[in-house]
């Protein structure tokens, strides 16, 4: 598609309410916005090929923003090849607000307005994108939050308790002398999280709920 045609087409694009909700969930998880100038951003989605159905679902939601359908690629880590499935949107000013809310000096941060944005659908997307069950021996779900500071996570824990009655704790991990944290549910309130997100979790992603599904 010629560049002038693409630019004209981009002027017709506007984020829907559904796309905004899903975008919040993605940015809480593994999704990320890329920008060269801090003025226009593009959304990039990339997952294991085993999660192809999830990537296809996201593509269907953002289809009008994407010029090239999801593609395969091979990445090699430690001599092992991994098949990935990915796509990216066009660069657009509509993503600028979210880029400014979720990133500071190229580091992901927890937006001040997250208490207004974290709907049940956004939470389900966050879980599908970057959550899991601790193990089939435990009644606990984990949400990966390693990008956020302890003070940001404490604010998030307070919000989840007040809004949804979900109690979560910090789960420390160590990475090259840097302390990072996940959020993990208490066994007493894990069912509340399952009830909230399960209606939105795709069949192919319910394995992440373990026995709780």
C-alpha atoms as a PDB file:
ATOM      1  CA  UNK A   1       0.000   0.000   0.000  1.00  0.00           C
ATOM      2  CA  UNK A   2       1.477   3.370  -1.024  1.00  0.00           C
ATOM      3  CA  UNK A   3       2.527   5.649   1.825  1.00  0.00           C
ATOM      4  CA  UNK A   4       0.106   8.465   0.968  1.00  0.00           C
ATOM      5  CA  UNK A   5      -2.759   5.977   0.839  1.00  0.00           C
ATOM      6  CA  UNK A   6      -1.691   4.547   4.211  1.00  0.00           C
ATOM      7  CA  UNK A   7      -1.526   8.010   5.769  1.00  0.00           C
ATOM      8  CA  UNK A   8      -5.005   8.839   4.459  1.00  0.00           C
ATOM      9  CA  UNK A   9      -6.314   5.532   5.791  1.00  0.00           C
ATOM     10  CA  UNK A  10      -4.756   6.113   9.223  1.00  0.00           C
ATOM     11  CA  UNK A  11      -6.735   9.353   9.551  1.00  0.00           C
ATOM     12  CA  UNK A  12      -9.935   7.284   9.581  1.00  0.00           C
ATOM     13  CA  UNK A  13      -8.840   5.140  12.538  1.00  0.00           C
ATOM     14  CA  UNK A  14     -10.158   5.599  16.065  1.00  0.00           C
ATOM     15  CA  UNK A  15      -9.815   3.266  19.053  1.00  0.00           C
ATOM     16  CA  UNK A  16     -13.106   1.661  20.090  1.00  0.00           C
ATOM     17  CA  UNK A  17     -14.070   1.127  23.724  1.00  0.00           C
ATOM     18  CA  UNK A  18     -13.375  -2.604  23.307  1.00  0.00           C
ATOM     19  CA  UNK A  19      -9.935  -1.926  21.850  1.00  0.00           C
ATOM     20  CA  UNK A  20      -9.114   0.445  24.723  1.00  0.00           C
ATOM     21  CA  UNK A  21     -10.055  -2.184  27.323  1.00  0.00           C
ATOM     22  CA  UNK A  22      -8.020  -4.885  25.615  1.00  0.00           C
ATOM     23  CA  UNK A  23      -5.107  -2.469  25.183  1.00  0.00           C
ATOM     24  CA  UNK A  24      -5.037  -1.802  28.948  1.00  0.00           C
ATOM     25  CA  UNK A  25      -4.875  -5.545  29.644  1.00  0.00           C
ATOM     26  CA  UNK A  26      -2.100  -6.014  27.101  1.00  0.00           C
ATOM     27  CA  UNK A  27      -0.002  -3.206  28.530  1.00  0.00           C
ATOM     28  CA  UNK A  28      -0.393  -4.641  32.018  1.00  0.00           C
ATOM     29  CA  UNK A  29       1.001  -7.844  30.534  1.00  0.00           C
ATOM     30  CA  UNK A  30       3.501  -8.534  27.749  1.00  0.00           C
ATOM     31  CA  UNK A  31       2.125  -6.185  25.119  1.00  0.00           C
ATOM     32  CA  UNK A  32       4.148  -3.072  24.480  1.00  0.00           C
ATOM     33  CA  UNK A  33       4.005   0.199  22.634  1.00  0.00           C
ATOM     34  CA  UNK A  34       6.950   1.281  20.511  1.00  0.00           C
ATOM     35  CA  UNK A  35       7.760   4.842  19.495  1.00  0.00           C
ATOM     36  CA  UNK A  36      10.666   6.584  17.802  1.00  0.00           C
ATOM     37  CA  UNK A  37       9.688  10.129  18.671  1.00  0.00           C
ATOM     38  CA  UNK A  38       7.258   9.909  21.626  1.00  0.00           C
ATOM     39  CA  UNK A  39       4.556  11.319  19.365  1.00  0.00           C
ATOM     40  CA  UNK A  40       3.190   8.293  17.529  1.00  0.00           C
ATOM     41  CA  UNK A  41       3.247   4.713  18.788  1.00  0.00           C
ATOM     42  CA  UNK A  42       2.542   1.247  17.489  1.00  0.00           C
ATOM     43  CA  UNK A  43       1.339  -1.785  19.431  1.00  0.00           C
ATOM     44  CA  UNK A  44       3.378  -4.966  19.091  1.00  0.00           C
ATOM     45  CA  UNK A  45       2.040  -8.410  20.058  1.00  0.00           C
ATOM     46  CA  UNK A  46       4.258 -11.490  20.197  1.00  0.00           C
ATOM     47  CA  UNK A  47       3.657 -14.902  21.778  1.00  0.00           C
ATOM     48  CA  UNK A  48       4.646 -18.522  21.527  1.00  0.00           C
ATOM     49  CA  UNK A  49       3.148 -20.323  18.548  1.00  0.00           C
ATOM     50  CA  UNK A  50       1.254 -22.470  21.063  1.00  0.00           C
ATOM     51  CA  UNK A  51      -0.797 -19.346  21.806  1.00  0.00           C
ATOM     52  CA  UNK A  52      -1.679 -18.750  18.176  1.00  0.00           C
ATOM     53  CA  UNK A  53      -5.430 -18.713  18.897  1.00  0.00           C
ATOM     54  CA  UNK A  54      -4.920 -15.911  21.396  1.00  0.00           C
ATOM     55  CA  UNK A  55      -2.836 -13.889  18.922  1.00  0.00           C
ATOM     56  CA  UNK A  56      -5.484 -14.458  16.239  1.00  0.00           C
ATOM     57  CA  UNK A  57      -8.161 -13.245  18.676  1.00  0.00           C
ATOM     58  CA  UNK A  58      -6.172 -10.076  19.369  1.00  0.00           C
ATOM     59  CA  UNK A  59      -5.637  -9.580  15.657  1.00  0.00           C
ATOM     60  CA  UNK A  60      -9.391  -9.776  15.047  1.00  0.00           C
ATOM     61  CA  UNK A  61      -9.901  -7.045  17.649  1.00  0.00           C
ATOM     62  CA  UNK A  62      -7.267  -4.718  16.167  1.00  0.00           C
ATOM     63  CA  UNK A  63      -7.586  -5.852  12.545  1.00  0.00           C
ATOM     64  CA  UNK A  64      -8.248  -2.417  11.053  1.00  0.00           C
ATOM     65  CA  UNK A  65      -5.058  -1.151  12.684  1.00  0.00           C
ATOM     66  CA  UNK A  66      -2.890  -3.887  11.163  1.00  0.00           C
ATOM     67  CA  UNK A  67      -1.570  -3.882   7.591  1.00  0.00           C
ATOM     68  CA  UNK A  68       0.071  -7.332   7.711  1.00  0.00           C
ATOM     69  CA  UNK A  69      -1.708 -10.328   9.342  1.00  0.00           C
ATOM     70  CA  UNK A  70       0.055 -12.311  12.113  1.00  0.00           C
ATOM     71  CA  UNK A  71       3.280 -13.941  11.008  1.00  0.00           C
ATOM     72  CA  UNK A  72       5.577 -16.699  12.214  1.00  0.00           C
ATOM     73  CA  UNK A  73       9.172 -16.176  13.189  1.00  0.00           C
ATOM     74  CA  UNK A  74      11.884 -18.310  14.715  1.00  0.00           C
ATOM     75  CA  UNK A  75      14.000 -17.116  17.638  1.00  0.00           C
ATOM     76  CA  UNK A  76      16.992 -18.951  19.080  1.00  0.00           C
ATOM     77  CA  UNK A  77      17.888 -18.848  22.782  1.00  0.00           C
ATOM     78  CA  UNK A  78      20.659 -20.956  24.242  1.00  0.00           C
ATOM     79  CA  UNK A  79      20.857 -22.980  21.060  1.00  0.00           C
ATOM     80  CA  UNK A  80      17.140 -23.843  21.170  1.00  0.00           C
ATOM     81  CA  UNK A  81      14.764 -22.608  18.495  1.00  0.00           C
ATOM     82  CA  UNK A  82      11.355 -21.230  19.432  1.00  0.00           C
ATOM     83  CA  UNK A  83       8.518 -20.501  17.044  1.00  0.00           C
ATOM     84  CA  UNK A  84       6.737 -17.200  17.685  1.00  0.00           C
ATOM     85  CA  UNK A  85       3.569 -15.653  16.286  1.00  0.00           C
ATOM     86  CA  UNK A  86       3.352 -11.879  16.101  1.00  0.00           C
ATOM     87  CA  UNK A  87       1.877  -8.751  14.542  1.00  0.00           C
ATOM     88  CA  UNK A  88       2.115  -5.008  14.989  1.00  0.00           C
ATOM     89  CA  UNK A  89      -0.245  -2.137  14.314  1.00  0.00           C
ATOM     90  CA  UNK A  90       0.428   0.956  12.287  1.00  0.00           C
ATOM     91  CA  UNK A  91       2.103   3.809  14.150  1.00  0.00           C
ATOM     92  CA  UNK A  92      -0.591   6.239  15.224  1.00  0.00           C
ATOM     93  CA  UNK A  93      -1.198   9.180  17.526  1.00  0.00           C
ATOM     94  CA  UNK A  94      -4.198   7.395  19.059  1.00  0.00           C
ATOM     95  CA  UNK A  95      -1.780   5.297  21.112  1.00  0.00           C
ATOM     96  CA  UNK A  96       0.137   8.341  22.410  1.00  0.00           C
ATOM     97  CA  UNK A  97      -1.983   8.827  25.528  1.00  0.00           C
ATOM     98  CA  UNK A  98      -1.442   5.200  26.577  1.00  0.00           C
ATOM     99  CA  UNK A  99       2.249   5.380  25.766  1.00  0.00           C
ATOM    100  CA  UNK A 100       2.596   8.403  28.016  1.00  0.00           C
ATOM    101  CA  UNK A 101       0.600   6.744  30.797  1.00  0.00           C
ATOM    102  CA  UNK A 102       2.429   3.393  30.738  1.00  0.00           C
ATOM    103  CA  UNK A 103       6.007   4.471  30.010  1.00  0.00           C
ATOM    104  CA  UNK A 104       8.450   6.859  31.603  1.00  0.00           C
ATOM    105  CA  UNK A 105      11.996   7.126  30.265  1.00  0.00           C
ATOM    106  CA  UNK A 106      11.283   3.970  28.224  1.00  0.00           C
ATOM    107  CA  UNK A 107      10.433   2.018  31.402  1.00  0.00           C
ATOM    108  CA  UNK A 108       6.963   0.591  31.959  1.00  0.00           C
ATOM    109  CA  UNK A 109       5.117   2.162  34.896  1.00  0.00           C
ATOM    110  CA  UNK A 110       1.722   1.675  36.521  1.00  0.00           C
ATOM    111  CA  UNK A 111      -0.622   4.458  35.359  1.00  0.00           C
ATOM    112  CA  UNK A 112      -2.193   6.688  37.984  1.00  0.00           C
ATOM    113  CA  UNK A 113      -5.579   6.041  36.371  1.00  0.00           C
ATOM    114  CA  UNK A 114      -5.353   2.244  36.483  1.00  0.00           C
ATOM    115  CA  UNK A 115      -8.153   2.149  39.076  1.00  0.00           C
ATOM    116  CA  UNK A 116     -10.476   3.530  36.392  1.00  0.00           C
ATOM    117  CA  UNK A 117      -9.291   1.281  33.591  1.00  0.00           C
ATOM    118  CA  UNK A 118      -8.804  -2.215  35.019  1.00  0.00           C
ATOM    119  CA  UNK A 119     -12.147  -3.750  34.032  1.00  0.00           C
ATOM    120  CA  UNK A 120     -12.913  -7.504  34.207  1.00  0.00           C
ATOM    121  CA  UNK A 121     -12.100  -7.824  30.495  1.00  0.00           C
ATOM    122  CA  UNK A 122      -8.814  -5.940  30.913  1.00  0.00           C
ATOM    123  CA  UNK A 123      -7.932  -8.205  33.851  1.00  0.00           C
ATOM    124  CA  UNK A 124      -8.691 -11.304  31.779  1.00  0.00           C
ATOM    125  CA  UNK A 125      -6.479 -10.071  28.946  1.00  0.00           C
ATOM    126  CA  UNK A 126      -3.729  -9.311  31.470  1.00  0.00           C
ATOM    127  CA  UNK A 127      -4.009 -12.848  32.829  1.00  0.00           C
ATOM    128  CA  UNK A 128      -4.062 -14.500  29.395  1.00  0.00           C
ATOM    129  CA  UNK A 129      -1.140 -12.365  28.327  1.00  0.00           C
ATOM    130  CA  UNK A 130       1.110 -12.786  31.346  1.00  0.00           C
ATOM    131  CA  UNK A 131      -0.506 -14.833  34.116  1.00  0.00           C
ATOM    132  CA  UNK A 132      -0.510 -18.449  35.266  1.00  0.00           C
ATOM    133  CA  UNK A 133      -1.437 -20.821  38.042  1.00  0.00           C
ATOM    134  CA  UNK A 134       1.318 -21.281  40.637  1.00  0.00           C
ATOM    135  CA  UNK A 135       1.073 -25.059  40.200  1.00  0.00           C
ATOM    136  CA  UNK A 136      -1.606 -27.727  40.212  1.00  0.00           C
ATOM    137  CA  UNK A 137      -0.715 -28.346  43.839  1.00  0.00           C
ATOM    138  CA  UNK A 138      -1.636 -24.814  44.839  1.00  0.00           C
ATOM    139  CA  UNK A 139      -4.808 -22.751  44.787  1.00  0.00           C
ATOM    140  CA  UNK A 140      -3.128 -19.545  43.677  1.00  0.00           C
ATOM    141  CA  UNK A 141      -2.857 -17.530  40.481  1.00  0.00           C
ATOM    142  CA  UNK A 142       0.128 -15.395  39.538  1.00  0.00           C
ATOM    143  CA  UNK A 143       0.147 -12.131  37.631  1.00  0.00           C
ATOM    144  CA  UNK A 144       3.529 -11.067  36.314  1.00  0.00           C
ATOM    145  CA  UNK A 145       4.298  -7.527  37.387  1.00  0.00           C
ATOM    146  CA  UNK A 146       8.094  -7.483  37.306  1.00  0.00           C
ATOM    147  CA  UNK A 147       8.166  -4.162  35.460  1.00  0.00           C
ATOM    148  CA  UNK A 148       6.515  -2.272  38.316  1.00  0.00           C
ATOM    149  CA  UNK A 149       8.008  -0.874  41.512  1.00  0.00           C
ATOM    150  CA  UNK A 150       7.016  -2.062  44.988  1.00  0.00           C
ATOM    151  CA  UNK A 151       5.092   1.157  45.667  1.00  0.00           C
ATOM    152  CA  UNK A 152       3.187   0.753  42.392  1.00  0.00           C
ATOM    153  CA  UNK A 153       2.338  -2.845  43.268  1.00  0.00           C
ATOM    154  CA  UNK A 154       1.131  -1.855  46.720  1.00  0.00           C
ATOM    155  CA  UNK A 155      -1.219   0.623  45.078  1.00  0.00           C
ATOM    156  CA  UNK A 156      -2.410  -2.116  42.719  1.00  0.00           C
ATOM    157  CA  UNK A 157      -2.958  -4.545  45.609  1.00  0.00           C
ATOM    158  CA  UNK A 158      -5.043  -1.941  47.427  1.00  0.00           C
ATOM    159  CA  UNK A 159      -7.173  -1.304  44.347  1.00  0.00           C
ATOM    160  CA  UNK A 160      -7.837  -5.010  43.684  1.00  0.00           C
ATOM    161  CA  UNK A 161      -8.901  -5.492  47.303  1.00  0.00           C
ATOM    162  CA  UNK A 162     -11.200  -2.473  47.361  1.00  0.00           C
ATOM    163  CA  UNK A 163     -12.776  -2.958  43.920  1.00  0.00           C
ATOM    164  CA  UNK A 164     -12.948  -6.725  43.543  1.00  0.00           C
ATOM    165  CA  UNK A 165     -12.306  -8.161  47.008  1.00  0.00           C
ATOM    166  CA  UNK A 166      -9.219  -9.962  45.703  1.00  0.00           C
ATOM    167  CA  UNK A 167      -6.331 -10.242  48.133  1.00  0.00           C
ATOM    168  CA  UNK A 168      -2.905 -10.439  46.545  1.00  0.00           C
ATOM    169  CA  UNK A 169       0.608 -10.551  47.938  1.00  0.00           C
ATOM    170  CA  UNK A 170       4.038  -9.712  46.611  1.00  0.00           C
ATOM    171  CA  UNK A 171       6.085 -12.701  45.484  1.00  0.00           C
ATOM    172  CA  UNK A 172       9.770 -11.857  45.325  1.00  0.00           C
ATOM    173  CA  UNK A 173      12.051 -13.082  42.583  1.00  0.00           C
ATOM    174  CA  UNK A 174      15.730 -12.389  42.142  1.00  0.00           C
ATOM    175  CA  UNK A 175      17.349 -11.555  38.827  1.00  0.00           C
ATOM    176  CA  UNK A 176      21.052 -10.660  38.784  1.00  0.00           C
ATOM    177  CA  UNK A 177      20.941  -9.012  42.233  1.00  0.00           C
ATOM    178  CA  UNK A 178      17.804  -7.055  41.317  1.00  0.00           C
ATOM    179  CA  UNK A 179      14.668  -7.754  43.325  1.00  0.00           C
ATOM    180  CA  UNK A 180      11.520  -7.988  41.217  1.00  0.00           C
ATOM    181  CA  UNK A 181       8.016  -9.018  42.166  1.00  0.00           C
ATOM    182  CA  UNK A 182       4.995 -10.880  40.916  1.00  0.00           C
ATOM    183  CA  UNK A 183       1.516 -10.672  42.407  1.00  0.00           C
ATOM    184  CA  UNK A 184       0.048 -13.896  43.775  1.00  0.00           C
ATOM    185  CA  UNK A 185      -3.496 -14.436  45.018  1.00  0.00           C
ATOM    186  CA  UNK A 186      -4.306 -15.771  48.443  1.00  0.00           C
ATOM    187  CA  UNK A 187      -6.043 -19.146  48.404  1.00  0.00           C
ATOM    188  CA  UNK A 188      -9.015 -17.561  50.193  1.00  0.00           C
ATOM    189  CA  UNK A 189      -9.851 -15.141  47.373  1.00  0.00           C
ATOM    190  CA  UNK A 190      -8.490 -16.864  44.264  1.00  0.00           C
ATOM    191  CA  UNK A 191     -12.014 -17.968  43.291  1.00  0.00           C
ATOM    192  CA  UNK A 192     -13.070 -14.312  43.128  1.00  0.00           C
ATOM    193  CA  UNK A 193     -10.438 -13.665  40.488  1.00  0.00           C
ATOM    194  CA  UNK A 194     -11.459 -16.792  38.565  1.00  0.00           C
ATOM    195  CA  UNK A 195     -15.126 -15.728  38.564  1.00  0.00           C
ATOM    196  CA  UNK A 196     -14.178 -12.283  37.235  1.00  0.00           C
ATOM    197  CA  UNK A 197     -11.901 -13.365  34.392  1.00  0.00           C
ATOM    198  CA  UNK A 198     -13.194 -16.804  33.370  1.00  0.00           C
ATOM    199  CA  UNK A 199     -16.027 -15.546  31.108  1.00  0.00           C
ATOM    200  CA  UNK A 200     -13.429 -13.815  28.933  1.00  0.00           C
ATOM    201  CA  UNK A 201     -10.635 -16.398  28.962  1.00  0.00           C
ATOM    202  CA  UNK A 202     -10.341 -18.156  25.599  1.00  0.00           C
ATOM    203  CA  UNK A 203     -10.741 -21.970  25.627  1.00  0.00           C
ATOM    204  CA  UNK A 204      -7.146 -22.406  24.451  1.00  0.00           C
ATOM    205  CA  UNK A 205      -5.900 -20.251  27.347  1.00  0.00           C
ATOM    206  CA  UNK A 206      -7.817 -21.936  30.166  1.00  0.00           C
ATOM    207  CA  UNK A 207      -4.862 -24.197  30.818  1.00  0.00           C
ATOM    208  CA  UNK A 208      -3.426 -21.220  32.664  1.00  0.00           C
ATOM    209  CA  UNK A 209      -6.132 -21.666  35.288  1.00  0.00           C
ATOM    210  CA  UNK A 210      -5.029 -25.223  36.012  1.00  0.00           C
ATOM    211  CA  UNK A 211      -7.558 -27.122  38.129  1.00  0.00           C
ATOM    212  CA  UNK A 212      -9.313 -23.839  38.902  1.00  0.00           C
ATOM    213  CA  UNK A 213     -10.789 -23.840  35.398  1.00  0.00           C
END
